[in-house]
Amino acid sequence: MKFKFFIFLFLFSFFPVFVLAQPLGFNKITNDVSLYKNFLDELDDAGQTLQIVSINSFKLYFWFDLEICLDYNWYDSGNDYYMEIGLVKPVYRHFKFNYQRIYGTFVNKQINQVGIRFSF
């Protein structure tokens, strides 16, 4: 009976390690939708903006952050949009490897950004 109890305690103490060792996982960080009324410094109307921001962590053998930011603007003279999709991989302490793809009417062609991020 004592032997089974010790086996149970041993397995129970390592259960969180077994759960974290799974190859797939997901953590919700933030998913926001914002609606803005825009004004110039002179308080003239500058239209409206719908902004969607989604930042979530997922595990595919290693943890990554997936970041999506979309701004859609509409005003009297027309509409425009700007979208970033980013994949972030923690590397060491506060340092992360970052890849972003940018689309939008503000850029002539899609842009790829690769870099190092310091989070503080």
C-alpha atoms as a PDB file:
ATOM      1  CA  MET A   1       0.000   0.000   0.000  1.00  0.00           C
ATOM      2  CA  LYS A   2       2.809   2.449   0.865  1.00  0.00           C
ATOM      3  CA  PHE A   3       4.539   1.643  -2.420  1.00  0.00           C
ATOM      4  CA  LYS A   4       1.418   2.612  -4.439  1.00  0.00           C
ATOM      5  CA  PHE A   5       1.085   5.794  -2.415  1.00  0.00           C
ATOM      6  CA  PHE A   6       4.698   6.792  -3.184  1.00  0.00           C
ATOM      7  CA  ILE A   7       4.190   6.043  -6.866  1.00  0.00           C
ATOM      8  CA  PHE A   8       1.068   8.208  -6.832  1.00  0.00           C
ATOM      9  CA  LEU A   9       2.967  11.073  -5.147  1.00  0.00           C
ATOM     10  CA  PHE A  10       5.840  10.723  -7.600  1.00  0.00           C
ATOM     11  CA  LEU A  11       3.562  10.829 -10.653  1.00  0.00           C
ATOM     12  CA  PHE A  12       1.402  13.606  -9.216  1.00  0.00           C
ATOM     13  CA  SER A  13       4.467  15.781  -8.521  1.00  0.00           C
ATOM     14  CA  PHE A  14       5.620  15.423 -12.141  1.00  0.00           C
ATOM     15  CA  PHE A  15       2.159  15.837 -13.697  1.00  0.00           C
ATOM     16  CA  PRO A  16       2.689  19.581 -14.540  1.00  0.00           C
ATOM     17  CA  VAL A  17       5.921  18.653 -16.350  1.00  0.00           C
ATOM     18  CA  PHE A  18       4.049  16.083 -18.455  1.00  0.00           C
ATOM     19  CA  VAL A  19       1.353  18.632 -19.323  1.00  0.00           C
ATOM     20  CA  LEU A  20       3.910  21.290 -20.300  1.00  0.00           C
ATOM     21  CA  ALA A  21       5.825  18.771 -22.404  1.00  0.00           C
ATOM     22  CA  GLN A  22       2.908  18.378 -24.823  1.00  0.00           C
ATOM     23  CA  PRO A  23       3.781  19.487 -28.385  1.00  0.00           C
ATOM     24  CA  LEU A  24       0.676  21.690 -28.827  1.00  0.00           C
ATOM     25  CA  GLY A  25      -0.709  24.484 -26.682  1.00  0.00           C
ATOM     26  CA  PHE A  26      -2.509  27.841 -26.726  1.00  0.00           C
ATOM     27  CA  ASN A  27      -2.610  30.892 -24.409  1.00  0.00           C
ATOM     28  CA  LYS A  28      -4.883  33.870 -25.010  1.00  0.00           C
ATOM     29  CA  ILE A  29      -3.068  37.153 -24.357  1.00  0.00           C
ATOM     30  CA  THR A  30      -5.390  39.822 -25.784  1.00  0.00           C
ATOM     31  CA  ASN A  31      -8.030  40.216 -28.469  1.00  0.00           C
ATOM     32  CA  ASP A  32      -9.285  43.801 -28.776  1.00  0.00           C
ATOM     33  CA  VAL A  33     -11.621  45.648 -31.109  1.00  0.00           C
ATOM     34  CA  SER A  34     -11.543  49.461 -30.915  1.00  0.00           C
ATOM     35  CA  LEU A  35     -13.542  52.146 -32.707  1.00  0.00           C
ATOM     36  CA  TYR A  36     -12.059  55.667 -32.831  1.00  0.00           C
ATOM     37  CA  LYS A  37     -13.287  59.079 -33.926  1.00  0.00           C
ATOM     38  CA  ASN A  38     -10.274  60.931 -35.369  1.00  0.00           C
ATOM     39  CA  PHE A  39      -9.540  64.670 -35.128  1.00  0.00           C
ATOM     40  CA  LEU A  40      -6.696  66.856 -36.383  1.00  0.00           C
ATOM     41  CA  ASP A  41      -4.882  69.238 -34.015  1.00  0.00           C
ATOM     42  CA  GLU A  42      -7.273  72.001 -35.107  1.00  0.00           C
ATOM     43  CA  LEU A  43     -10.152  69.689 -34.108  1.00  0.00           C
ATOM     44  CA  ASP A  44     -11.151  69.197 -37.756  1.00  0.00           C
ATOM     45  CA  ASP A  45     -12.776  65.859 -38.567  1.00  0.00           C
ATOM     46  CA  ALA A  46     -10.279  63.180 -39.689  1.00  0.00           C
ATOM     47  CA  GLY A  47     -12.723  60.269 -40.055  1.00  0.00           C
ATOM     48  CA  GLN A  48     -13.063  57.065 -38.097  1.00  0.00           C
ATOM     49  CA  THR A  49     -10.835  54.049 -37.442  1.00  0.00           C
ATOM     50  CA  LEU A  50     -11.729  50.461 -36.682  1.00  0.00           C
ATOM     51  CA  GLN A  51      -8.780  48.672 -35.065  1.00  0.00           C
ATOM     52  CA  ILE A  52      -8.477  44.959 -34.370  1.00  0.00           C
ATOM     53  CA  VAL A  53      -5.562  43.697 -32.278  1.00  0.00           C
ATOM     54  CA  SER A  54      -5.043  40.014 -31.546  1.00  0.00           C
ATOM     55  CA  ILE A  55      -2.004  38.706 -29.650  1.00  0.00           C
ATOM     56  CA  ASN A  56      -1.963  35.052 -28.644  1.00  0.00           C
ATOM     57  CA  SER A  57       0.683  32.475 -27.763  1.00  0.00           C
ATOM     58  CA  PHE A  58       0.710  29.034 -29.252  1.00  0.00           C
ATOM     59  CA  LYS A  59       2.959  26.046 -28.814  1.00  0.00           C
ATOM     60  CA  LEU A  60       4.083  23.954 -31.735  1.00  0.00           C
ATOM     61  CA  TYR A  61       6.894  22.137 -29.895  1.00  0.00           C
ATOM     62  CA  PHE A  62       8.175  25.653 -29.005  1.00  0.00           C
ATOM     63  CA  TRP A  63       6.211  28.699 -27.806  1.00  0.00           C
ATOM     64  CA  PHE A  64       5.502  31.508 -30.297  1.00  0.00           C
ATOM     65  CA  ASP A  65       3.415  34.685 -30.165  1.00  0.00           C
ATOM     66  CA  LEU A  66       1.126  35.448 -33.100  1.00  0.00           C
ATOM     67  CA  GLU A  67       0.327  39.156 -33.394  1.00  0.00           C
ATOM     68  CA  ILE A  68      -2.259  40.581 -35.782  1.00  0.00           C
ATOM     69  CA  CYS A  69      -3.060  44.289 -36.011  1.00  0.00           C
ATOM     70  CA  LEU A  70      -5.555  45.727 -38.518  1.00  0.00           C
ATOM     71  CA  ASP A  71      -6.501  49.406 -38.872  1.00  0.00           C
ATOM     72  CA  TYR A  72      -9.295  50.302 -41.260  1.00  0.00           C
ATOM     73  CA  ASN A  73      -9.865  54.064 -41.706  1.00  0.00           C
ATOM     74  CA  TRP A  74     -12.730  55.795 -43.450  1.00  0.00           C
ATOM     75  CA  TYR A  75     -13.188  59.501 -44.013  1.00  0.00           C
ATOM     76  CA  ASP A  76     -14.795  61.876 -46.538  1.00  0.00           C
ATOM     77  CA  SER A  77     -12.034  61.625 -49.145  1.00  0.00           C
ATOM     78  CA  GLY A  78     -11.756  57.808 -49.095  1.00  0.00           C
ATOM     79  CA  ASN A  79     -10.771  54.702 -47.174  1.00  0.00           C
ATOM     80  CA  ASP A  80      -7.462  53.058 -46.338  1.00  0.00           C
ATOM     81  CA  TYR A  81      -6.151  50.153 -44.302  1.00  0.00           C
ATOM     82  CA  TYR A  82      -2.983  48.915 -42.653  1.00  0.00           C
ATOM     83  CA  MET A  83      -2.355  45.352 -41.450  1.00  0.00           C
ATOM     84  CA  GLU A  84       0.571  43.677 -39.696  1.00  0.00           C
ATOM     85  CA  ILE A  85       0.910  39.965 -39.054  1.00  0.00           C
ATOM     86  CA  GLY A  86       3.816  39.044 -36.794  1.00  0.00           C
ATOM     87  CA  LEU A  87       5.381  35.867 -35.490  1.00  0.00           C
ATOM     88  CA  VAL A  88       7.524  36.272 -32.372  1.00  0.00           C
ATOM     89  CA  LYS A  89       9.792  33.617 -30.845  1.00  0.00           C
ATOM     90  CA  PRO A  90      11.300  34.177 -27.385  1.00  0.00           C
ATOM     91  CA  VAL A  91      15.067  33.560 -27.591  1.00  0.00           C
ATOM     92  CA  TYR A  92      16.737  34.593 -24.338  1.00  0.00           C
ATOM     93  CA  ARG A  93      15.264  36.378 -21.311  1.00  0.00           C
ATOM     94  CA  HIS A  94      13.846  39.655 -22.667  1.00  0.00           C
ATOM     95  CA  PHE A  95      15.019  39.104 -26.248  1.00  0.00           C
ATOM     96  CA  LYS A  96      12.746  37.762 -28.968  1.00  0.00           C
ATOM     97  CA  PHE A  97      13.132  37.024 -32.660  1.00  0.00           C
ATOM     98  CA  ASN A  98      10.454  38.871 -34.647  1.00  0.00           C
ATOM     99  CA  TYR A  99       9.070  38.450 -38.178  1.00  0.00           C
ATOM    100  CA  GLN A 100       6.341  40.770 -39.477  1.00  0.00           C
ATOM    101  CA  ARG A 101       4.496  41.018 -42.774  1.00  0.00           C
ATOM    102  CA  ILE A 102       2.923  44.403 -43.555  1.00  0.00           C
ATOM    103  CA  TYR A 103       0.074  45.071 -45.987  1.00  0.00           C
ATOM    104  CA  GLY A 104      -1.780  48.285 -46.598  1.00  0.00           C
ATOM    105  CA  THR A 105      -2.616  51.246 -48.715  1.00  0.00           C
ATOM    106  CA  PHE A 106       0.211  53.122 -46.957  1.00  0.00           C
ATOM    107  CA  VAL A 107       2.841  50.904 -48.618  1.00  0.00           C
ATOM    108  CA  ASN A 108       3.394  50.253 -52.334  1.00  0.00           C
ATOM    109  CA  LYS A 109       4.241  46.561 -51.865  1.00  0.00           C
ATOM    110  CA  GLN A 110       3.972  44.105 -48.998  1.00  0.00           C
ATOM    111  CA  ILE A 111       6.909  44.475 -46.611  1.00  0.00           C
ATOM    112  CA  ASN A 112       8.725  41.757 -44.652  1.00  0.00           C
ATOM    113  CA  GLN A 113      10.433  42.801 -41.424  1.00  0.00           C
ATOM    114  CA  VAL A 114      12.885  40.570 -39.563  1.00  0.00           C
ATOM    115  CA  GLY A 115      14.497  41.662 -36.331  1.00  0.00           C
ATOM    116  CA  ILE A 116      15.258  41.305 -32.662  1.00  0.00           C
ATOM    117  CA  ARG A 117      12.832  42.626 -30.046  1.00  0.00           C
ATOM    118  CA  PHE A 118      13.691  43.631 -26.479  1.00  0.00           C
ATOM    119  CA  SER A 119      10.679  43.395 -24.145  1.00  0.00           C
ATOM    120  CA  PHE A 120      10.750  45.261 -20.858  1.00  0.00           C
END
